């Protein structure tokens, strides 16, 4: 079951805590909105990181190597 885009299992602990503490529907909405903002920020940071990794891998690939240092130093050591 889901409420909006939240799975009930994800918000069940929040609901239980609000019931224990005597929270209101407004507090629940506020808590869910704060959680959504946190998840959005984390998702955006991960996407930005993925974009930077993609650009780096394109750069390394264009340089003709996929291993070793891109600064002309030695490559990885033998195992």
PDB file of N, CA and C in Angstrom:
ATOM      1  N   UNK A   1       0.842  -1.178   0.000  1.00  0.00           N
ATOM      2  CA  UNK A   1       0.000   0.000   0.000  1.00  0.00           C
ATOM      3  C   UNK A   1       0.884   1.236   0.000  1.00  0.00           C
ATOM      4  N   UNK A   2       0.445   2.276  -0.686  1.00  0.00           N
ATOM      5  CA  UNK A   2       1.225   3.507  -0.686  1.00  0.00           C
ATOM      6  C   UNK A   2       0.323   4.704  -0.428  1.00  0.00           C
ATOM      7  N   UNK A   3       0.927   5.724   0.149  1.00  0.00           N
ATOM      8  CA  UNK A   3       0.253   6.994   0.391  1.00  0.00           C
ATOM      9  C   UNK A   3       1.042   8.008  -0.411  1.00  0.00           C
ATOM     10  N   UNK A   4       0.441   8.523  -1.472  1.00  0.00           N
ATOM     11  CA  UNK A   4       1.208   9.374  -2.377  1.00  0.00           C
ATOM     12  C   UNK A   4       2.284   8.523  -3.003  1.00  0.00           C
ATOM     13  N   UNK A   5       3.520   8.943  -2.924  1.00  0.00           N
ATOM     14  CA  UNK A   5       4.631   8.145  -3.452  1.00  0.00           C
ATOM     15  C   UNK A   5       5.412   7.470  -2.334  1.00  0.00           C
ATOM     16  N   UNK A   6       4.859   7.453  -1.117  1.00  0.00           N
ATOM     17  CA  UNK A   6       5.504   6.791   0.015  1.00  0.00           C
ATOM     18  C   UNK A   6       4.884   5.418   0.240  1.00  0.00           C
ATOM     19  N   UNK A   7       5.712   4.402   0.381  1.00  0.00           N
ATOM     20  CA  UNK A   7       5.221   3.105   0.778  1.00  0.00           C
ATOM     21  C   UNK A   7       4.829   3.178   2.244  1.00  0.00           C
ATOM     22  N   UNK A   8       3.726   2.546   2.594  1.00  0.00           N
ATOM     23  CA  UNK A   8       3.245   2.608   3.968  1.00  0.00           C
ATOM     24  C   UNK A   8       4.304   2.116   4.944  1.00  0.00           C
ATOM     25  N   UNK A   9       5.066   1.097   4.544  1.00  0.00           N
ATOM     26  CA  UNK A   9       6.112   0.573   5.430  1.00  0.00           C
ATOM     27  C   UNK A   9       7.158   1.640   5.753  1.00  0.00           C
ATOM     28  N   UNK A  10       7.358   2.581   4.847  1.00  0.00           N
ATOM     29  CA  UNK A  10       8.343   3.639   5.070  1.00  0.00           C
ATOM     30  C   UNK A  10       7.850   4.688   6.055  1.00  0.00           C
ATOM     31  N   UNK A  11       6.543   4.946   6.063  1.00  0.00           N
ATOM     32  CA  UNK A  11       6.037   5.993   6.953  1.00  0.00           C
ATOM     33  C   UNK A  11       5.408   5.435   8.226  1.00  0.00           C
ATOM     34  N   UNK A  12       5.275   4.129   8.314  1.00  0.00           N
ATOM     35  CA  UNK A  12       4.694   3.520   9.513  1.00  0.00           C
ATOM     36  C   UNK A  12       5.412   3.959  10.791  1.00  0.00           C
ATOM     37  N   UNK A  13       6.765   3.956  10.836  1.00  0.00           N
ATOM     38  CA  UNK A  13       7.433   4.415  12.064  1.00  0.00           C
ATOM     39  C   UNK A  13       7.117   5.876  12.402  1.00  0.00           C
ATOM     40  N   UNK A  14       6.988   6.704  11.393  1.00  0.00           N
ATOM     41  CA  UNK A  14       6.651   8.108  11.622  1.00  0.00           C
ATOM     42  C   UNK A  14       5.257   8.213  12.219  1.00  0.00           C
ATOM     43  N   UNK A  15       4.322   7.464  11.651  1.00  0.00           N
ATOM     44  CA  UNK A  15       2.953   7.476  12.170  1.00  0.00           C
ATOM     45  C   UNK A  15       2.905   6.992  13.611  1.00  0.00           C
ATOM     46  N   UNK A  16       3.622   5.922  13.898  1.00  0.00           N
ATOM     47  CA  UNK A  16       3.636   5.374  15.259  1.00  0.00           C
ATOM     48  C   UNK A  16       4.196   6.393  16.244  1.00  0.00           C
ATOM     49  N   UNK A  17       5.265   7.069  15.869  1.00  0.00           N
ATOM     50  CA  UNK A  17       5.867   8.068  16.757  1.00  0.00           C
ATOM     51  C   UNK A  17       4.916   9.234  16.984  1.00  0.00           C
ATOM     52  N   UNK A  18       4.252   9.680  15.918  1.00  0.00           N
ATOM     53  CA  UNK A  18       3.312  10.783  16.063  1.00  0.00           C
ATOM     54  C   UNK A  18       2.142  10.400  16.966  1.00  0.00           C
ATOM     55  N   UNK A  19       1.690   9.160  16.864  1.00  0.00           N
ATOM     56  CA  UNK A  19       0.612   8.706  17.741  1.00  0.00           C
ATOM     57  C   UNK A  19       1.063   8.695  19.197  1.00  0.00           C
ATOM     58  N   UNK A  20       2.286   8.202  19.434  1.00  0.00           N
ATOM     59  CA  UNK A  20       2.820   8.168  20.803  1.00  0.00           C
ATOM     60  C   UNK A  20       2.970   9.571  21.372  1.00  0.00           C
ATOM     61  N   UNK A  21       3.456  10.475  20.543  1.00  0.00           N
ATOM     62  CA  UNK A  21       3.729  11.839  20.996  1.00  0.00           C
ATOM     63  C   UNK A  21       2.500  12.741  20.912  1.00  0.00           C
ATOM     64  N   UNK A  22       1.421  12.226  20.330  1.00  0.00           N
ATOM     65  CA  UNK A  22       0.214  13.038  20.197  1.00  0.00           C
ATOM     66  C   UNK A  22       0.305  14.054  19.076  1.00  0.00           C
ATOM     67  N   UNK A  23       1.038  13.718  18.033  1.00  0.00           N
ATOM     68  CA  UNK A  23       1.219  14.631  16.923  1.00  0.00           C
ATOM     69  C   UNK A  23      -0.030  14.783  16.080  1.00  0.00           C
ATOM     70  N   UNK A  24      -0.060  15.845  15.326  1.00  0.00           N
ATOM     71  CA  UNK A  24      -1.203  16.157  14.487  1.00  0.00           C
ATOM     72  C   UNK A  24      -0.927  15.797  13.030  1.00  0.00           C
ATOM     73  N   UNK A  25      -1.961  15.897  12.223  1.00  0.00           N
ATOM     74  CA  UNK A  25      -1.801  15.650  10.785  1.00  0.00           C
ATOM     75  C   UNK A  25      -0.862  16.681  10.181  1.00  0.00           C
ATOM     76  N   UNK A  26      -0.907  17.902  10.687  1.00  0.00           N
ATOM     77  CA  UNK A  26      -0.001  18.946  10.187  1.00  0.00           C
ATOM     78  C   UNK A  26       1.456  18.579  10.463  1.00  0.00           C
ATOM     79  N   UNK A  27       1.719  18.011  11.643  1.00  0.00           N
ATOM     80  CA  UNK A  27       3.084  17.585  11.964  1.00  0.00           C
ATOM     81  C   UNK A  27       3.520  16.443  11.053  1.00  0.00           C
ATOM     82  N   UNK A  28       2.599  15.536  10.767  1.00  0.00           N
ATOM     83  CA  UNK A  28       2.908  14.433   9.861  1.00  0.00           C
ATOM     84  C   UNK A  28       3.265  14.973   8.483  1.00  0.00           C
ATOM     85  N   UNK A  29       2.452  15.874   7.981  1.00  0.00           N
ATOM     86  CA  UNK A  29       2.732  16.463   6.664  1.00  0.00           C
ATOM     87  C   UNK A  29       4.081  17.179   6.661  1.00  0.00           C
ATOM     88  N   UNK A  30       4.366  17.887   7.736  1.00  0.00           N
ATOM     89  CA  UNK A  30       5.640  18.593   7.842  1.00  0.00           C
ATOM     90  C   UNK A  30       6.811  17.608   7.864  1.00  0.00           C
ATOM     91  N   UNK A  31       6.656  16.531   8.607  1.00  0.00           N
ATOM     92  CA  UNK A  31       7.699  15.512   8.686  1.00  0.00           C
ATOM     93  C   UNK A  31       7.934  14.856   7.326  1.00  0.00           C
ATOM     94  N   UNK A  32       6.863  14.560   6.637  1.00  0.00           N
ATOM     95  CA  UNK A  32       6.990  13.941   5.310  1.00  0.00           C
ATOM     96  C   UNK A  32       7.615  14.917   4.313  1.00  0.00           C
ATOM     97  N   UNK A  33       7.250  16.187   4.404  1.00  0.00           N
ATOM     98  CA  UNK A  33       7.833  17.187   3.502  1.00  0.00           C
ATOM     99  C   UNK A  33       9.331  17.335   3.758  1.00  0.00           C
ATOM    100  N   UNK A  34       9.724  17.341   5.029  1.00  0.00           N
ATOM    101  CA  UNK A  34      11.155  17.439   5.359  1.00  0.00           C
ATOM    102  C   UNK A  34      11.907  16.228   4.829  1.00  0.00           C
ATOM    103  N   UNK A  35      11.317  15.047   4.980  1.00  0.00           N
ATOM    104  CA  UNK A  35      11.954  13.827   4.477  1.00  0.00           C
ATOM    105  C   UNK A  35      12.084  13.882   2.951  1.00  0.00           C
ATOM    106  N   UNK A  36      11.059  14.369   2.280  1.00  0.00           N
ATOM    107  CA  UNK A  36      11.099  14.482   0.818  1.00  0.00           C
ATOM    108  C   UNK A  36      12.204  15.436   0.379  1.00  0.00           C
ATOM    109  N   UNK A  37      12.373  16.550   1.103  1.00  0.00           N
ATOM    110  CA  UNK A  37      13.433  17.501   0.775  1.00  0.00           C
ATOM    111  C   UNK A  37      14.807  16.863   0.949  1.00  0.00           C
ATOM    112  N   UNK A  38      14.975  16.089   2.019  1.00  0.00           N
ATOM    113  CA  UNK A  38      16.245  15.406   2.262  1.00  0.00           C
ATOM    114  C   UNK A  38      16.549  14.409   1.146  1.00  0.00           C
ATOM    115  N   UNK A  39      15.543  13.629   0.775  1.00  0.00           N
ATOM    116  CA  UNK A  39      15.738  12.639  -0.289  1.00  0.00           C
ATOM    117  C   UNK A  39      16.021  13.305  -1.628  1.00  0.00           C
ATOM    118  N   UNK A  40      15.349  14.420  -1.896  1.00  0.00           N
ATOM    119  CA  UNK A  40      15.582  15.142  -3.147  1.00  0.00           C
ATOM    120  C   UNK A  40      17.017  15.674  -3.201  1.00  0.00           C
ATOM    121  N   UNK A  41      17.482  16.251  -2.097  1.00  0.00           N
ATOM    122  CA  UNK A  41      18.856  16.771  -2.058  1.00  0.00           C
ATOM    123  C   UNK A  41      19.862  15.649  -2.260  1.00  0.00           C
ATOM    124  N   UNK A  42      19.637  14.520  -1.604  1.00  0.00           N
ATOM    125  CA  UNK A  42      20.546  13.375  -1.737  1.00  0.00           C
ATOM    126  C   UNK A  42      20.526  12.855  -3.177  1.00  0.00           C
ATOM    127  N   UNK A  43      19.358  12.753  -3.760  1.00  0.00           N
ATOM    128  CA  UNK A  43      19.250  12.262  -5.138  1.00  0.00           C
ATOM    129  C   UNK A  43      19.956  13.191  -6.110  1.00  0.00           C
ATOM    130  N   UNK A  44      19.792  14.486  -5.914  1.00  0.00           N
ATOM    131  CA  UNK A  44      20.453  15.450  -6.799  1.00  0.00           C
ATOM    132  C   UNK A  44      21.967  15.378  -6.668  1.00  0.00           C
ATOM    133  N   UNK A  45      22.455  15.200  -5.443  1.00  0.00           N
ATOM    134  CA  UNK A  45      23.901  15.074  -5.231  1.00  0.00           C
ATOM    135  C   UNK A  45      24.432  13.815  -5.914  1.00  0.00           C
ATOM    136  N   UNK A  46      23.686  12.729  -5.824  1.00  0.00           N
ATOM    137  CA  UNK A  46      24.119  11.488  -6.473  1.00  0.00           C
ATOM    138  C   UNK A  46      24.123  11.641  -7.992  1.00  0.00           C
ATOM    139  N   UNK A  47      23.118  12.318  -8.534  1.00  0.00           N
ATOM    140  CA  UNK A  47      23.088  12.547  -9.978  1.00  0.00           C
ATOM    141  C   UNK A  47      24.242  13.446 -10.426  1.00  0.00           C
ATOM    142  N   UNK A  48      24.539  14.470  -9.638  1.00  0.00           N
ATOM    143  CA  UNK A  48      25.668  15.335  -9.973  1.00  0.00           C
ATOM    144  C   UNK A  48      26.969  14.543  -9.948  1.00  0.00           C
ATOM    145  N   UNK A  49      27.134  13.694  -8.947  1.00  0.00           N
ATOM    146  CA  UNK A  49      28.328  12.853  -8.867  1.00  0.00           C
ATOM    147  C   UNK A  49      28.424  11.901 -10.039  1.00  0.00           C
ATOM    148  N   UNK A  50      27.297  11.331 -10.424  1.00  0.00           N
ATOM    149  CA  UNK A  50      27.285  10.420 -11.572  1.00  0.00           C
ATOM    150  C   UNK A  50      27.671  11.168 -12.846  1.00  0.00           C
ATOM    151  N   UNK A  51      27.201  12.400 -12.971  1.00  0.00           N
ATOM    152  CA  UNK A  51      27.566  13.213 -14.137  1.00  0.00           C
ATOM    153  C   UNK A  51      29.060  13.506 -14.180  1.00  0.00           C
ATOM    154  N   UNK A  52      29.620  13.822 -13.021  1.00  0.00           N
ATOM    155  CA  UNK A  52      31.070  14.086 -12.962  1.00  0.00           C
ATOM    156  C   UNK A  52      31.873  12.828 -13.270  1.00  0.00           C
ATOM    157  N   UNK A  53      31.425  11.693 -12.755  1.00  0.00           N
ATOM    158  CA  UNK A  53      32.102  10.429 -13.044  1.00  0.00           C
ATOM    159  C   UNK A  53      32.039  10.132 -14.537  1.00  0.00           C
ATOM    160  N   UNK A  54      30.877  10.348 -15.138  1.00  0.00           N
ATOM    161  CA  UNK A  54      30.724  10.117 -16.573  1.00  0.00           C
ATOM    162  C   UNK A  54      31.692  11.003 -17.374  1.00  0.00           C
ATOM    163  N   UNK A  55      31.773  12.275 -17.002  1.00  0.00           N
ATOM    164  CA  UNK A  55      32.691  13.183 -17.703  1.00  0.00           C
ATOM    165  C   UNK A  55      34.138  12.729 -17.544  1.00  0.00           C
ATOM    166  N   UNK A  56      34.496  12.299 -16.332  1.00  0.00           N
ATOM    167  CA  UNK A  56      35.858  11.819 -16.095  1.00  0.00           C
ATOM    168  C   UNK A  56      36.150  10.575 -16.937  1.00  0.00           C
ATOM    169  N   UNK A  57      35.224   9.646 -16.958  1.00  0.00           N
ATOM    170  CA  UNK A  57      35.441   8.426 -17.735  1.00  0.00           C
ATOM    171  C   UNK A  57      35.527   8.719 -19.222  1.00  0.00           C
ATOM    172  N   UNK A  58      34.739   9.682 -19.704  1.00  0.00           N
ATOM    173  CA  UNK A  58      34.869  10.106 -21.103  1.00  0.00           C
ATOM    174  C   UNK A  58      36.252  10.697 -21.357  1.00  0.00           C
ATOM    175  N   UNK A  59      36.745  11.509 -20.418  1.00  0.00           N
ATOM    176  CA  UNK A  59      38.067  12.112 -20.547  1.00  0.00           C
ATOM    177  C   UNK A  59      39.142  11.041 -20.592  1.00  0.00           C
ATOM    178  N   UNK A  60      39.077  10.090 -19.684  1.00  0.00           N
ATOM    179  CA  UNK A  60      40.073   9.017 -19.618  1.00  0.00           C
ATOM    180  C   UNK A  60      40.010   8.168 -20.890  1.00  0.00           C
ATOM    181  N   UNK A  61      38.808   7.882 -21.333  1.00  0.00           N
ATOM    182  CA  UNK A  61      38.637   7.082 -22.548  1.00  0.00           C
ATOM    183  C   UNK A  61      39.210   7.814 -23.766  1.00  0.00           C
ATOM    184  N   UNK A  62      38.976   9.114 -23.842  1.00  0.00           N
ATOM    185  CA  UNK A  62      39.497   9.899 -24.961  1.00  0.00           C
ATOM    186  C   UNK A  62      41.021   9.975 -24.918  1.00  0.00           C
ATOM    187  N   UNK A  63      41.605   9.872 -23.735  1.00  0.00           N
ATOM    188  CA  UNK A  63      43.062   9.903 -23.591  1.00  0.00           C
ATOM    189  C   UNK A  63      43.680   8.566 -23.993  1.00  0.00           C
ATOM    190  N   UNK A  64      42.847   7.571 -24.227  1.00  0.00           N
ATOM    191  CA  UNK A  64      43.345   6.290 -24.699  1.00  0.00           C
ATOM    192  C   UNK A  64      43.696   5.311 -23.603  1.00  0.00           C
ATOM    193  N   UNK A  65      43.257   5.564 -22.404  1.00  0.00           N
ATOM    194  CA  UNK A  65      43.549   4.638 -21.318  1.00  0.00           C
ATOM    195  C   UNK A  65      42.334   4.532 -20.403  1.00  0.00           C
ATOM    196  N   UNK A  66      42.174   3.368 -19.811  1.00  0.00           N
ATOM    197  CA  UNK A  66      41.106   3.190 -18.837  1.00  0.00           C
ATOM    198  C   UNK A  66      41.656   2.764 -17.489  1.00  0.00           C
ATOM    199  N   UNK A  67      42.999   2.649 -17.400  1.00  0.00           N
ATOM    200  CA  UNK A  67      43.638   2.293 -16.128  1.00  0.00           C
ATOM    201  C   UNK A  67      44.841   3.174 -15.931  1.00  0.00           C
ATOM    202  N   UNK A  68      45.347   3.208 -14.747  1.00  0.00           N
ATOM    203  CA  UNK A  68      46.565   3.958 -14.471  1.00  0.00           C
ATOM    204  C   UNK A  68      46.278   5.415 -14.225  1.00  0.00           C
ATOM    205  N   UNK A  69      47.331   6.170 -14.042  1.00  0.00           N
ATOM    206  CA  UNK A  69      47.224   7.581 -13.729  1.00  0.00           C
ATOM    207  C   UNK A  69      46.979   8.381 -15.000  1.00  0.00           C
ATOM    208  N   UNK A  70      46.133   9.377 -14.897  1.00  0.00           N
ATOM    209  CA  UNK A  70      45.916  10.265 -16.043  1.00  0.00           C
ATOM    210  C   UNK A  70      46.939  11.383 -16.077  1.00  0.00           C
ATOM    211  N   UNK A  71      47.841  11.430 -15.057  1.00  0.00           N
ATOM    212  CA  UNK A  71      48.873  12.462 -14.984  1.00  0.00           C
ATOM    213  C   UNK A  71      50.207  11.971 -15.532  1.00  0.00           C
ATOM    214  N   UNK A  72      50.215  10.848 -16.213  1.00  0.00           N
ATOM    215  CA  UNK A  72      51.437  10.325 -16.786  1.00  0.00           C
ATOM    216  C   UNK A  72      52.279   9.521 -15.846  1.00  0.00           C
ATOM    217  N   UNK A  73      51.756   9.261 -14.661  1.00  0.00           N
ATOM    218  CA  UNK A  73      52.482   8.461 -13.678  1.00  0.00           C
ATOM    219  C   UNK A  73      52.321   6.987 -13.968  1.00  0.00           C
ATOM    220  N   UNK A  74      52.860   6.135 -13.112  1.00  0.00           N
ATOM    221  CA  UNK A  74      52.751   4.701 -13.326  1.00  0.00           C
ATOM    222  C   UNK A  74      51.312   4.221 -13.177  1.00  0.00           C
ATOM    223  N   UNK A  75      51.015   3.154 -13.846  1.00  0.00           N
ATOM    224  CA  UNK A  75      49.687   2.545 -13.749  1.00  0.00           C
ATOM    225  C   UNK A  75      49.540   1.745 -12.477  1.00  0.00           C
ATOM    226  N   UNK A  76      48.499   0.980 -12.388  1.00  0.00           N
ATOM    227  CA  UNK A  76      48.283   0.175 -11.176  1.00  0.00           C
ATOM    228  C   UNK A  76      49.365  -0.882 -11.023  1.00  0.00           C
ATOM    229  N   UNK A  77      49.660  -1.214  -9.787  1.00  0.00           N
ATOM    230  CA  UNK A  77      50.694  -2.221  -9.540  1.00  0.00           C
ATOM    231  C   UNK A  77      50.162  -3.612  -9.861  1.00  0.00           C
ATOM    232  N   UNK A  78      51.088  -4.525 -10.197  1.00  0.00           N
ATOM    233  CA  UNK A  78      50.708  -5.903 -10.486  1.00  0.00           C
ATOM    234  C   UNK A  78      50.260  -6.586  -9.211  1.00  0.00           C
ATOM    235  N   UNK A  79      49.296  -7.466  -9.340  1.00  0.00           N
ATOM    236  CA  UNK A  79      48.795  -8.181  -8.153  1.00  0.00           C
ATOM    237  C   UNK A  79      49.361  -9.547  -8.078  1.00  0.00           C
TER     238      UNK A  79
END
